[in-house]
Amino acid sequence: MTALFNFQSLLLVILLLVCTSAYVHQLMPAFMDRHKDG
């Protein structure tokens, strides 16, 4: 049961990270693209 809860928490964190990065990319695309130039 604990392992299942940890898996759900991990999924939630990943989902939040993806949503946040997508939102930040919309907010300031130049900031994100600057790091991809290397």
PDB file of N, CA and C in Angstrom:
ATOM      1  N   MET A   1       0.838  -1.199   0.000  1.00  0.00           N
ATOM      2  CA  MET A   1       0.000   0.000   0.000  1.00  0.00           C
ATOM      3  C   MET A   1       0.878   1.257   0.000  1.00  0.00           C
ATOM      4  N   THR A   2       1.936   1.223   0.791  1.00  0.00           N
ATOM      5  CA  THR A   2       2.823   2.379   0.857  1.00  0.00           C
ATOM      6  C   THR A   2       3.527   2.593  -0.479  1.00  0.00           C
ATOM      7  N   ALA A   3       3.909   1.488  -1.122  1.00  0.00           N
ATOM      8  CA  ALA A   3       4.587   1.584  -2.415  1.00  0.00           C
ATOM      9  C   ALA A   3       3.655   2.211  -3.452  1.00  0.00           C
ATOM     10  N   LEU A   4       2.386   1.834  -3.412  1.00  0.00           N
ATOM     11  CA  LEU A   4       1.402   2.386  -4.342  1.00  0.00           C
ATOM     12  C   LEU A   4       1.236   3.875  -4.099  1.00  0.00           C
ATOM     13  N   PHE A   5       1.192   4.263  -2.831  1.00  0.00           N
ATOM     14  CA  PHE A   5       1.051   5.683  -2.489  1.00  0.00           C
ATOM     15  C   PHE A   5       2.261   6.475  -2.970  1.00  0.00           C
ATOM     16  N   ASN A   6       3.447   5.901  -2.793  1.00  0.00           N
ATOM     17  CA  ASN A   6       4.670   6.567  -3.248  1.00  0.00           C
ATOM     18  C   ASN A   6       4.669   6.721  -4.762  1.00  0.00           C
ATOM     19  N   PHE A   7       4.175   5.695  -5.465  1.00  0.00           N
ATOM     20  CA  PHE A   7       4.107   5.741  -6.921  1.00  0.00           C
ATOM     21  C   PHE A   7       3.154   6.842  -7.376  1.00  0.00           C
ATOM     22  N   GLN A   8       2.019   6.969  -6.699  1.00  0.00           N
ATOM     23  CA  GLN A   8       1.055   8.018  -7.037  1.00  0.00           C
ATOM     24  C   GLN A   8       1.644   9.394  -6.758  1.00  0.00           C
ATOM     25  N   SER A   9       2.356   9.524  -5.666  1.00  0.00           N
ATOM     26  CA  SER A   9       2.987  10.804  -5.326  1.00  0.00           C
ATOM     27  C   SER A   9       4.029  11.167  -6.378  1.00  0.00           C
ATOM     28  N   LEU A  10       4.799  10.182  -6.813  1.00  0.00           N
ATOM     29  CA  LEU A  10       5.817  10.408  -7.835  1.00  0.00           C
ATOM     30  C   LEU A  10       5.170  10.861  -9.141  1.00  0.00           C
ATOM     31  N   LEU A  11       4.070  10.200  -9.515  1.00  0.00           N
ATOM     32  CA  LEU A  11       3.341  10.586 -10.723  1.00  0.00           C
ATOM     33  C   LEU A  11       2.838  12.013 -10.615  1.00  0.00           C
ATOM     34  N   LEU A  12       2.317  12.366  -9.449  1.00  0.00           N
ATOM     35  CA  LEU A  12       1.781  13.706  -9.234  1.00  0.00           C
ATOM     36  C   LEU A  12       2.885  14.753  -9.358  1.00  0.00           C
ATOM     37  N   VAL A  13       4.041  14.460  -8.781  1.00  0.00           N
ATOM     38  CA  VAL A  13       5.175  15.387  -8.843  1.00  0.00           C
ATOM     39  C   VAL A  13       5.638  15.572 -10.287  1.00  0.00           C
ATOM     40  N   ILE A  14       5.711  14.475 -11.032  1.00  0.00           N
ATOM     41  CA  ILE A  14       6.130  14.552 -12.439  1.00  0.00           C
ATOM     42  C   ILE A  14       5.135  15.377 -13.239  1.00  0.00           C
ATOM     43  N   LEU A  15       3.843  15.158 -12.982  1.00  0.00           N
ATOM     44  CA  LEU A  15       2.800  15.905 -13.679  1.00  0.00           C
ATOM     45  C   LEU A  15       2.913  17.393 -13.373  1.00  0.00           C
ATOM     46  N   LEU A  16       3.144  17.714 -12.108  1.00  0.00           N
ATOM     47  CA  LEU A  16       3.298  19.114 -11.708  1.00  0.00           C
ATOM     48  C   LEU A  16       4.516  19.747 -12.375  1.00  0.00           C
ATOM     49  N   LEU A  17       5.616  18.997 -12.437  1.00  0.00           N
ATOM     50  CA  LEU A  17       6.835  19.511 -13.068  1.00  0.00           C
ATOM     51  C   LEU A  17       6.610  19.799 -14.545  1.00  0.00           C
ATOM     52  N   VAL A  18       5.922  18.888 -15.230  1.00  0.00           N
ATOM     53  CA  VAL A  18       5.648  19.071 -16.658  1.00  0.00           C
ATOM     54  C   VAL A  18       4.763  20.291 -16.877  1.00  0.00           C
ATOM     55  N   CYS A  19       3.719  20.416 -16.057  1.00  0.00           N
ATOM     56  CA  CYS A  19       2.810  21.559 -16.186  1.00  0.00           C
ATOM     57  C   CYS A  19       3.543  22.866 -15.898  1.00  0.00           C
ATOM     58  N   THR A  20       4.381  22.869 -14.878  1.00  0.00           N
ATOM     59  CA  THR A  20       5.118  24.080 -14.515  1.00  0.00           C
ATOM     60  C   THR A  20       6.087  24.487 -15.616  1.00  0.00           C
ATOM     61  N   SER A  21       6.819  23.516 -16.166  1.00  0.00           N
ATOM     62  CA  SER A  21       7.780  23.834 -17.225  1.00  0.00           C
ATOM     63  C   SER A  21       7.064  24.338 -18.474  1.00  0.00           C
ATOM     64  N   ALA A  22       5.912  23.752 -18.788  1.00  0.00           N
ATOM     65  CA  ALA A  22       5.138  24.201 -19.947  1.00  0.00           C
ATOM     66  C   ALA A  22       4.630  25.623 -19.726  1.00  0.00           C
ATOM     67  N   TYR A  23       4.196  25.916 -18.496  1.00  0.00           N
ATOM     68  CA  TYR A  23       3.697  27.254 -18.166  1.00  0.00           C
ATOM     69  C   TYR A  23       4.817  28.289 -18.246  1.00  0.00           C
ATOM     70  N   VAL A  24       5.977  27.934 -17.710  1.00  0.00           N
ATOM     71  CA  VAL A  24       7.128  28.844 -17.742  1.00  0.00           C
ATOM     72  C   VAL A  24       7.580  29.065 -19.187  1.00  0.00           C
ATOM     73  N   HIS A  25       7.523  28.004 -19.996  1.00  0.00           N
ATOM     74  CA  HIS A  25       7.912  28.126 -21.401  1.00  0.00           C
ATOM     75  C   HIS A  25       6.985  29.081 -22.145  1.00  0.00           C
ATOM     76  N   GLN A  26       5.700  29.056 -21.801  1.00  0.00           N
ATOM     77  CA  GLN A  26       4.743  29.990 -22.391  1.00  0.00           C
ATOM     78  C   GLN A  26       5.023  31.403 -21.912  1.00  0.00           C
ATOM     79  N   LEU A  27       5.386  31.506 -20.625  1.00  0.00           N
ATOM     80  CA  LEU A  27       5.594  32.808 -20.007  1.00  0.00           C
ATOM     81  C   LEU A  27       6.796  33.521 -20.617  1.00  0.00           C
ATOM     82  N   MET A  28       7.917  32.807 -20.703  1.00  0.00           N
ATOM     83  CA  MET A  28       9.132  33.416 -21.253  1.00  0.00           C
ATOM     84  C   MET A  28       9.910  32.386 -22.070  1.00  0.00           C
ATOM     85  N   PRO A  29       9.566  32.220 -23.350  1.00  0.00           N
ATOM     86  CA  PRO A  29      10.229  31.223 -24.205  1.00  0.00           C
ATOM     87  C   PRO A  29      11.706  31.523 -24.431  1.00  0.00           C
ATOM     88  N   ALA A  30      12.085  32.794 -24.449  1.00  0.00           N
ATOM     89  CA  ALA A  30      13.479  33.154 -24.670  1.00  0.00           C
ATOM     90  C   ALA A  30      14.368  32.611 -23.544  1.00  0.00           C
ATOM     91  N   PHE A  31      13.860  32.617 -22.331  1.00  0.00           N
ATOM     92  CA  PHE A  31      14.619  32.128 -21.179  1.00  0.00           C
ATOM     93  C   PHE A  31      14.915  30.637 -21.320  1.00  0.00           C
ATOM     94  N   MET A  32      13.926  29.870 -21.793  1.00  0.00           N
ATOM     95  CA  MET A  32      14.100  28.430 -21.938  1.00  0.00           C
ATOM     96  C   MET A  32      15.005  28.109 -23.134  1.00  0.00           C
ATOM     97  N   ASP A  33      14.831  28.820 -24.235  1.00  0.00           N
ATOM     98  CA  ASP A  33      15.591  28.538 -25.452  1.00  0.00           C
ATOM     99  C   ASP A  33      17.071  28.868 -25.290  1.00  0.00           C
ATOM    100  N   ARG A  34      17.381  29.812 -24.432  1.00  0.00           N
ATOM    101  CA  ARG A  34      18.769  30.215 -24.226  1.00  0.00           C
ATOM    102  C   ARG A  34      19.602  29.047 -23.695  1.00  0.00           C
ATOM    103  N   HIS A  35      18.979  28.186 -22.873  1.00  0.00           N
ATOM    104  CA  HIS A  35      19.702  27.069 -22.275  1.00  0.00           C
ATOM    105  C   HIS A  35      19.876  25.911 -23.259  1.00  0.00           C
ATOM    106  N   LYS A  36      19.116  25.899 -24.348  1.00  0.00           N
ATOM    107  CA  LYS A  36      19.196  24.805 -25.310  1.00  0.00           C
ATOM    108  C   LYS A  36      20.256  25.052 -26.383  1.00  0.00           C
ATOM    109  N   ASP A  37      20.847  26.248 -26.410  1.00  0.00           N
ATOM    110  CA  ASP A  37      21.790  26.603 -27.468  1.00  0.00           C
ATOM    111  C   ASP A  37      23.108  25.827 -27.377  1.00  0.00           C
ATOM    112  N   GLY A  38      23.503  25.451 -26.156  1.00  0.00           N
ATOM    113  CA  GLY A  38      24.782  24.783 -25.972  1.00  0.00           C
ATOM    114  C   GLY A  38      24.851  23.474 -26.702  1.00  0.00           C
TER     115      GLY A  38
END
